[in-house]
Amino acid sequence: MRISPTALLDFATAIYAAAGMPEDDARLVADTLVQADLWGHQSHGMLRLPWYLARLKAGVCTAVATPKLLVDAGGVAVIDGGDAMGQVLTDFAMKDAIRRAKSHGIAAVALRNSNHFGTALYYTLQAARADCVAFLSTNASPAMAPWGGRKKTVGTNPWSWAAPAGRLAPLVLDIANTGVARGKIYLAKQKGETIPPGWAIDAEGRPTIDPAAAIDGVILPMAGHKGYAIATVMDMLSGVLTGSLFGGAVGGPYQTERRSGAGQMMIVLDIAAFQPPAEFGARMERLIGELKSVPLAEGYDEILYPGELEARNEAANRRDGLLLPDDTLSDLATAGREMGIAARWG
């Protein structure tokens, strides 16, 4: 059954509003989930609605956000999120970073005492649509071991870049530093599927294709030691520099026993401070055209640039509706019953 994105958006908004969030904030969080599914990133979509809801109900995540500005120094700001929803706080901080970049050419905004925020590209795309180039990093709860170890102390610590691309869809990168986002392993578990070799090792340090064993074990870094090193740098930016928690102290979105303490760092560059935005757009079109003109390797029928697939997926899913795993739909229905919200997908 294909489901209307609007129906999912309305349902998720009602759930979070019933949990005590202001209506506008509830709709923002709901939109980040539906948007992830539209882009084809179901690991960060409606699958996560019950996780965030459980944290709100447990009181480890604050329903009403009251971000506090601790440092206001022109192009630099530090914001304390007070343990509110990461989506609401990061949206607030990114909008502030864009405003500061428009005044100063460049801005760096640090966010501390935040939470998991979903997909990083949701926020960097805001800057790209405002004729800016943006970077966003976050730290996360432990998922992988330091290179050579088998105890989880390093988060996936995702990061994103986005830039406008003239008449084309924005160029956008959003990656975790593990070989695969942890949410994809949870998604495989929900679907009753195995995971590919090389994604994870179990608690004893043995390779596994069982998603449950992978969740209890250690997810492997992308590109071996390089992924571990990049994840550590992202923790330095997101946790240490922002004044938030870092390393093994960060709590995850599926944990209800403790606060998250996640931190985020965003850096925004106003393109107009460097060159006319129209010129930048034309140059980006030429760059992408060069990429797509390369002769194809065997087994490939097209070259995509970063962000192109998400733009295509969104167009198709808005037109046709979304397909969600049965387990996800069941979990949503359960959450609806808990909050007195009917799950109507017609």
Protein backbone atom coordinates (compact mmCIF):
# COMPACT_ATOMS: atom_id res chain seq x y z
CA MET A 1 0.00 0.00 0.00
CA ARG A 2 1.39 3.36 -1.02
CA ILE A 3 0.75 6.04 1.58
CA SER A 4 0.28 9.75 1.07
CA PRO A 5 3.21 11.75 2.50
CA THR A 6 0.67 14.28 3.77
CA ALA A 7 -1.16 11.58 5.75
CA LEU A 8 2.11 10.52 7.38
CA LEU A 9 3.03 14.14 8.10
CA ASP A 10 -0.32 14.83 9.76
CA PHE A 11 -0.12 11.62 11.80
CA ALA A 12 3.42 12.24 13.05
CA THR A 13 2.58 15.87 13.87
CA ALA A 14 -0.40 14.76 15.96
CA ILE A 15 1.73 12.19 17.80
CA TYR A 16 4.40 14.67 18.83
CA ALA A 17 1.88 17.37 19.69
CA ALA A 18 0.12 14.86 21.95
CA ALA A 19 3.50 14.25 23.62
CA GLY A 20 3.69 17.92 24.60
CA MET A 21 5.53 19.56 21.71
CA PRO A 22 4.27 22.89 20.33
CA GLU A 23 2.35 22.35 17.09
CA ASP A 24 4.93 24.05 14.84
CA ASP A 25 7.81 22.10 16.39
CA ALA A 26 5.85 18.84 16.17
CA ARG A 27 5.27 19.45 12.46
CA LEU A 28 8.94 20.23 11.89
CA VAL A 29 10.03 16.95 13.48
CA ALA A 30 7.35 15.09 11.53
CA ASP A 31 8.54 16.71 8.30
CA THR A 32 12.14 15.59 8.88
CA LEU A 33 10.93 11.98 9.15
CA VAL A 34 8.65 12.05 6.12
CA GLN A 35 11.28 13.89 4.10
CA ALA A 36 13.84 11.18 4.85
CA ASP A 37 11.43 8.56 3.51
CA LEU A 38 10.78 10.70 0.43
CA TRP A 39 14.50 10.84 -0.26
CA GLY A 40 14.70 7.06 0.02
CA HIS A 41 16.47 7.05 3.40
CA GLN A 42 14.00 4.87 5.30
CA SER A 43 16.60 4.23 7.99
CA HIS A 44 15.99 7.82 9.14
CA GLY A 45 12.29 8.12 8.31
CA MET A 46 9.06 7.15 10.06
CA LEU A 47 10.88 4.10 11.42
CA ARG A 48 12.27 6.45 14.08
CA LEU A 49 8.99 8.03 15.21
CA PRO A 50 8.51 5.62 18.15
CA TRP A 51 12.13 6.09 19.26
CA TYR A 52 11.79 9.85 19.62
CA LEU A 53 8.36 9.46 21.20
CA ALA A 54 9.74 7.08 23.83
CA ARG A 55 12.45 9.59 24.77
CA LEU A 56 9.88 12.37 25.12
CA LYS A 57 7.67 10.20 27.30
CA ALA A 58 10.65 9.15 29.43
CA GLY A 59 11.57 12.80 30.03
CA VAL A 60 15.16 12.47 28.79
CA CYS A 61 14.30 14.76 25.87
CA THR A 62 12.57 18.10 26.52
CA ALA A 63 9.32 18.63 24.60
CA VAL A 64 9.38 22.45 24.62
CA ALA A 65 12.60 23.89 23.18
CA THR A 66 14.07 27.04 24.73
CA PRO A 67 17.50 27.43 23.11
CA LYS A 68 19.81 29.87 24.90
CA LEU A 69 22.44 31.99 23.18
CA LEU A 70 25.65 31.68 25.22
CA VAL A 71 28.07 33.36 22.79
CA ASP A 72 27.06 36.04 20.29
CA ALA A 73 30.18 37.23 18.48
CA GLY A 74 29.16 38.27 14.99
CA GLY A 75 29.97 35.32 12.78
CA VAL A 76 30.33 32.98 15.76
CA ALA A 77 27.64 31.74 18.13
CA VAL A 78 27.26 29.07 20.81
CA ILE A 79 23.77 27.82 21.65
CA ASP A 80 22.66 25.64 24.55
CA GLY A 81 19.75 23.45 23.46
CA GLY A 82 18.67 22.34 26.92
CA ASP A 83 18.14 18.72 25.81
CA ALA A 84 15.24 19.55 23.46
CA MET A 85 14.50 17.72 20.20
CA GLY A 86 17.55 17.80 17.95
CA GLN A 87 15.48 18.60 14.87
CA VAL A 88 14.03 21.75 16.43
CA LEU A 89 17.36 22.92 17.81
CA THR A 90 19.35 22.27 14.63
CA ASP A 91 16.73 24.02 12.51
CA PHE A 92 16.98 27.02 14.85
CA ALA A 93 20.79 27.00 14.79
CA MET A 94 21.05 26.57 11.00
CA LYS A 95 18.71 29.49 10.39
CA ASP A 96 20.86 31.56 12.75
CA ALA A 97 24.03 30.46 10.93
CA ILE A 98 22.55 31.47 7.56
CA ARG A 99 21.56 34.87 8.96
CA ARG A 100 25.04 35.43 10.37
CA ALA A 101 26.72 34.31 7.13
CA LYS A 102 24.63 36.82 5.16
CA SER A 103 26.00 39.56 7.45
CA HIS A 104 29.61 38.39 7.77
CA GLY A 105 30.27 36.20 4.72
CA ILE A 106 30.93 33.19 6.93
CA ALA A 107 29.44 31.89 10.16
CA ALA A 108 30.12 29.09 12.63
CA VAL A 109 27.37 28.13 15.08
CA ALA A 110 28.00 25.55 17.82
CA LEU A 111 25.06 23.74 19.40
CA ARG A 112 25.45 21.90 22.70
CA ASN A 113 23.09 19.74 24.78
CA SER A 114 21.11 18.72 21.71
CA ASN A 115 19.71 15.39 20.52
CA HIS A 116 19.67 13.19 17.43
CA PHE A 117 18.30 15.25 14.54
CA GLY A 118 17.52 12.76 11.75
CA THR A 119 19.13 13.43 8.37
CA ALA A 120 21.83 16.10 8.26
CA LEU A 121 21.00 17.06 4.68
CA TYR A 122 17.61 18.38 5.84
CA TYR A 123 19.45 21.34 7.37
CA THR A 124 22.36 21.89 4.97
CA LEU A 125 19.85 22.05 2.11
CA GLN A 126 18.26 25.04 3.83
CA ALA A 127 21.52 26.91 3.35
CA ALA A 128 21.92 25.76 -0.26
CA ARG A 129 18.45 27.13 -1.03
CA ALA A 130 19.59 30.45 0.47
CA ASP A 131 22.57 30.65 -1.92
CA CYS A 132 25.05 29.43 0.68
CA VAL A 133 27.44 26.52 1.04
CA ALA A 134 26.96 24.70 4.33
CA PHE A 135 28.69 22.12 6.50
CA LEU A 136 27.07 20.34 9.44
CA SER A 137 28.54 17.74 11.78
CA THR A 138 27.09 15.88 14.74
CA ASN A 139 28.32 13.31 17.18
CA ALA A 140 26.36 10.22 18.14
CA SER A 141 26.24 7.40 20.67
CA PRO A 142 28.96 4.72 20.41
CA ALA A 143 28.56 2.41 17.42
CA MET A 144 32.07 1.41 16.43
CA ALA A 145 35.39 0.73 18.11
CA PRO A 146 38.63 2.68 17.75
CA TRP A 147 40.63 1.14 14.92
CA GLY A 148 42.01 -2.17 16.15
CA GLY A 149 39.62 -2.45 19.12
CA ARG A 150 36.32 -4.24 19.74
CA LYS A 151 34.60 -2.03 22.31
CA LYS A 152 32.14 0.64 21.15
CA THR A 153 33.38 4.11 22.10
CA VAL A 154 33.12 5.98 18.76
CA GLY A 155 29.88 7.27 17.25
CA THR A 156 28.86 7.19 13.61
CA ASN A 157 29.27 11.00 13.84
CA PRO A 158 27.66 11.96 10.50
CA TRP A 159 28.41 15.08 8.49
CA SER A 160 26.91 16.86 5.52
CA TRP A 161 27.81 19.44 2.88
CA ALA A 162 25.36 21.15 0.54
CA ALA A 163 25.63 23.74 -2.21
CA PRO A 164 23.27 25.11 -4.86
CA ALA A 165 23.89 23.86 -8.38
CA GLY A 166 22.31 26.45 -10.66
CA ARG A 167 19.33 25.01 -12.52
CA LEU A 168 20.04 21.53 -11.17
CA ALA A 169 19.09 20.00 -7.83
CA PRO A 170 21.57 21.02 -5.11
CA LEU A 171 24.76 19.05 -4.66
CA VAL A 172 24.53 17.44 -1.23
CA LEU A 173 26.54 14.93 0.77
CA ASP A 174 25.26 13.28 3.96
CA ILE A 175 27.28 10.35 5.31
CA ALA A 176 28.08 8.52 8.51
CA ASN A 177 31.62 7.39 9.16
CA THR A 178 30.63 3.78 9.58
CA GLY A 179 30.49 1.66 6.45
CA VAL A 180 26.71 1.93 6.75
CA ALA A 181 24.33 4.05 8.82
CA ARG A 182 23.21 2.21 11.96
CA GLY A 183 19.59 2.87 10.99
CA LYS A 184 20.02 0.63 7.94
CA ILE A 185 20.84 -2.26 10.25
CA TYR A 186 17.72 -1.57 12.29
CA LEU A 187 15.76 -1.42 9.02
CA ALA A 188 17.16 -4.81 7.95
CA LYS A 189 16.13 -6.22 11.33
CA GLN A 190 12.60 -4.87 10.86
CA LYS A 191 12.40 -6.40 7.39
CA GLY A 192 13.75 -9.76 8.58
CA GLU A 193 16.72 -9.48 6.21
CA THR A 194 20.40 -10.26 6.64
CA ILE A 195 23.03 -7.56 6.21
CA PRO A 196 25.95 -7.71 3.77
CA PRO A 197 29.31 -9.04 4.94
CA GLY A 198 31.66 -6.29 6.04
CA TRP A 199 29.05 -4.13 7.75
CA ALA A 200 29.62 -5.30 11.33
CA ILE A 201 31.18 -7.69 13.79
CA ASP A 202 29.36 -9.30 16.73
CA ALA A 203 30.13 -8.77 20.42
CA GLU A 204 32.92 -11.36 20.21
CA GLY A 205 34.60 -9.56 17.32
CA ARG A 206 33.47 -12.05 14.64
CA PRO A 207 32.07 -10.98 11.25
CA THR A 208 28.27 -11.24 11.13
CA ILE A 209 25.39 -10.88 8.67
CA ASP A 210 22.77 -11.02 11.45
CA PRO A 211 21.42 -7.49 12.10
CA ALA A 212 20.54 -8.32 15.73
CA ALA A 213 24.11 -9.50 16.37
CA ALA A 214 25.40 -6.39 14.61
CA ILE A 215 23.34 -4.12 16.86
CA ASP A 216 24.75 -5.87 19.92
CA GLY A 217 28.21 -5.86 18.39
CA VAL A 218 30.24 -3.21 16.56
CA ILE A 219 29.58 -1.51 13.23
CA LEU A 220 32.73 -1.24 11.12
CA PRO A 221 34.07 2.12 9.90
CA MET A 222 34.04 3.17 6.28
CA ALA A 223 37.42 2.97 4.55
CA GLY A 224 39.02 1.19 7.50
CA HIS A 225 41.18 3.40 9.70
CA LYS A 226 40.24 6.49 7.68
CA GLY A 227 36.59 6.29 8.71
CA TYR A 228 37.60 5.93 12.36
CA ALA A 229 39.87 8.98 12.08
CA ILE A 230 37.18 11.13 10.40
CA ALA A 231 34.64 10.10 13.06
CA THR A 232 37.06 11.24 15.76
CA VAL A 233 37.51 14.62 14.07
CA MET A 234 33.73 15.05 13.83
CA ASP A 235 33.45 14.31 17.56
CA MET A 236 36.09 16.97 18.22
CA LEU A 237 34.05 19.54 16.24
CA SER A 238 30.61 18.47 17.45
CA GLY A 239 31.26 17.48 21.03
CA VAL A 240 34.54 18.83 22.36
CA LEU A 241 34.55 22.24 20.63
CA THR A 242 30.85 22.94 21.19
CA GLY A 243 31.11 22.17 24.92
CA SER A 244 28.73 19.21 24.66
CA LEU A 245 29.24 15.54 25.52
CA PHE A 246 31.60 13.42 23.45
CA GLY A 247 32.86 9.88 22.99
CA GLY A 248 31.14 7.17 25.01
CA ALA A 249 29.13 9.72 27.05
CA VAL A 250 26.70 10.51 24.19
CA GLY A 251 23.27 8.85 24.39
CA GLY A 252 21.40 7.47 21.37
CA PRO A 253 17.88 8.07 20.01
CA TYR A 254 16.77 4.52 20.88
CA GLN A 255 17.81 4.84 24.53
CA THR A 256 15.28 6.06 27.09
CA GLU A 257 17.39 5.82 30.23
CA ARG A 258 19.61 8.90 29.75
CA ARG A 259 19.91 12.25 28.05
CA SER A 260 21.70 12.46 24.73
CA GLY A 261 24.13 15.34 25.16
CA ALA A 262 24.83 15.30 21.41
CA GLY A 263 26.45 18.38 19.91
CA GLN A 264 26.37 19.88 16.45
CA MET A 265 28.62 22.28 14.53
CA MET A 266 27.48 24.18 11.47
CA ILE A 267 29.57 26.37 9.20
CA VAL A 268 27.89 28.44 6.49
CA LEU A 269 29.51 30.43 3.69
CA ASP A 270 27.55 33.09 1.81
CA ILE A 271 28.35 32.55 -1.88
CA ALA A 272 27.83 36.25 -2.64
CA ALA A 273 30.86 37.06 -0.48
CA PHE A 274 33.01 35.05 -2.90
CA GLN A 275 31.38 35.57 -6.31
CA PRO A 276 27.96 36.32 -7.80
CA PRO A 277 25.60 33.41 -6.99
CA ALA A 278 24.57 33.14 -10.66
CA GLU A 279 28.22 32.67 -11.66
CA PHE A 280 28.65 30.03 -8.96
CA GLY A 281 25.54 28.23 -10.23
CA ALA A 282 26.84 28.21 -13.79
CA ARG A 283 30.20 26.87 -12.64
CA MET A 284 28.47 24.13 -10.64
CA GLU A 285 26.49 23.11 -13.72
CA ARG A 286 29.75 22.81 -15.66
CA LEU A 287 31.32 20.72 -12.88
CA ILE A 288 28.35 18.36 -12.78
CA GLY A 289 28.24 18.19 -16.57
CA GLU A 290 31.89 17.14 -16.59
CA LEU A 291 31.19 14.38 -14.06
CA LYS A 292 28.25 13.03 -16.02
CA SER A 293 30.09 13.08 -19.35
CA VAL A 294 32.71 10.52 -18.27
CA PRO A 295 32.55 7.18 -20.18
CA LEU A 296 30.65 4.56 -18.20
CA ALA A 297 32.30 1.60 -16.50
CA GLU A 298 30.96 -1.89 -17.14
CA GLY A 299 27.69 -2.54 -15.32
CA TYR A 300 26.67 1.12 -15.04
CA ASP A 301 24.17 2.98 -17.18
CA GLU A 302 24.45 6.45 -15.67
CA ILE A 303 26.65 8.69 -13.51
CA LEU A 304 24.90 10.48 -10.66
CA TYR A 305 26.22 13.43 -8.71
CA PRO A 306 25.75 13.64 -4.90
CA GLY A 307 22.15 14.61 -4.12
CA GLU A 308 20.72 13.73 -7.54
CA LEU A 309 19.27 10.39 -6.47
CA GLU A 310 17.52 11.95 -3.46
CA ALA A 311 15.94 14.60 -5.68
CA ARG A 312 14.66 11.93 -8.08
CA ASN A 313 13.35 9.77 -5.26
CA GLU A 314 11.48 12.67 -3.73
CA ALA A 315 9.76 13.54 -7.01
CA ALA A 316 8.68 9.92 -7.58
CA ASN A 317 7.53 9.32 -4.00
CA ARG A 318 5.55 12.55 -3.85
CA ARG A 319 3.84 11.49 -7.06
CA ASP A 320 3.23 7.83 -6.22
CA GLY A 321 3.15 7.76 -2.41
CA LEU A 322 5.44 6.01 0.05
CA LEU A 323 5.94 2.30 0.65
CA LEU A 324 6.89 1.51 4.26
CA PRO A 325 7.85 -1.86 5.79
CA ASP A 326 5.02 -3.74 7.52
CA ASP A 327 6.89 -3.63 10.83
CA THR A 328 7.20 0.15 10.58
CA LEU A 329 3.47 0.50 9.93
CA SER A 330 2.75 -1.78 12.88
CA ASP A 331 5.01 0.29 15.16
CA LEU A 332 3.30 3.49 14.00
CA ALA A 333 -0.12 2.02 14.72
CA THR A 334 1.06 1.03 18.20
CA ALA A 335 2.38 4.54 18.85
CA GLY A 336 -0.94 5.94 17.65
CA ARG A 337 -2.90 3.77 20.08
CA GLU A 338 -0.63 4.84 22.94
CA MET A 339 -1.28 8.51 22.19
CA GLY A 340 -4.92 8.21 21.14
CA ILE A 341 -4.16 9.06 17.49
CA ALA A 342 -5.77 6.97 14.76
CA ALA A 343 -3.42 5.74 12.04
CA ARG A 344 -5.36 6.38 8.83
CA TRP A 345 -3.36 5.79 5.68
CA GLY A 346 -6.14 5.94 3.09
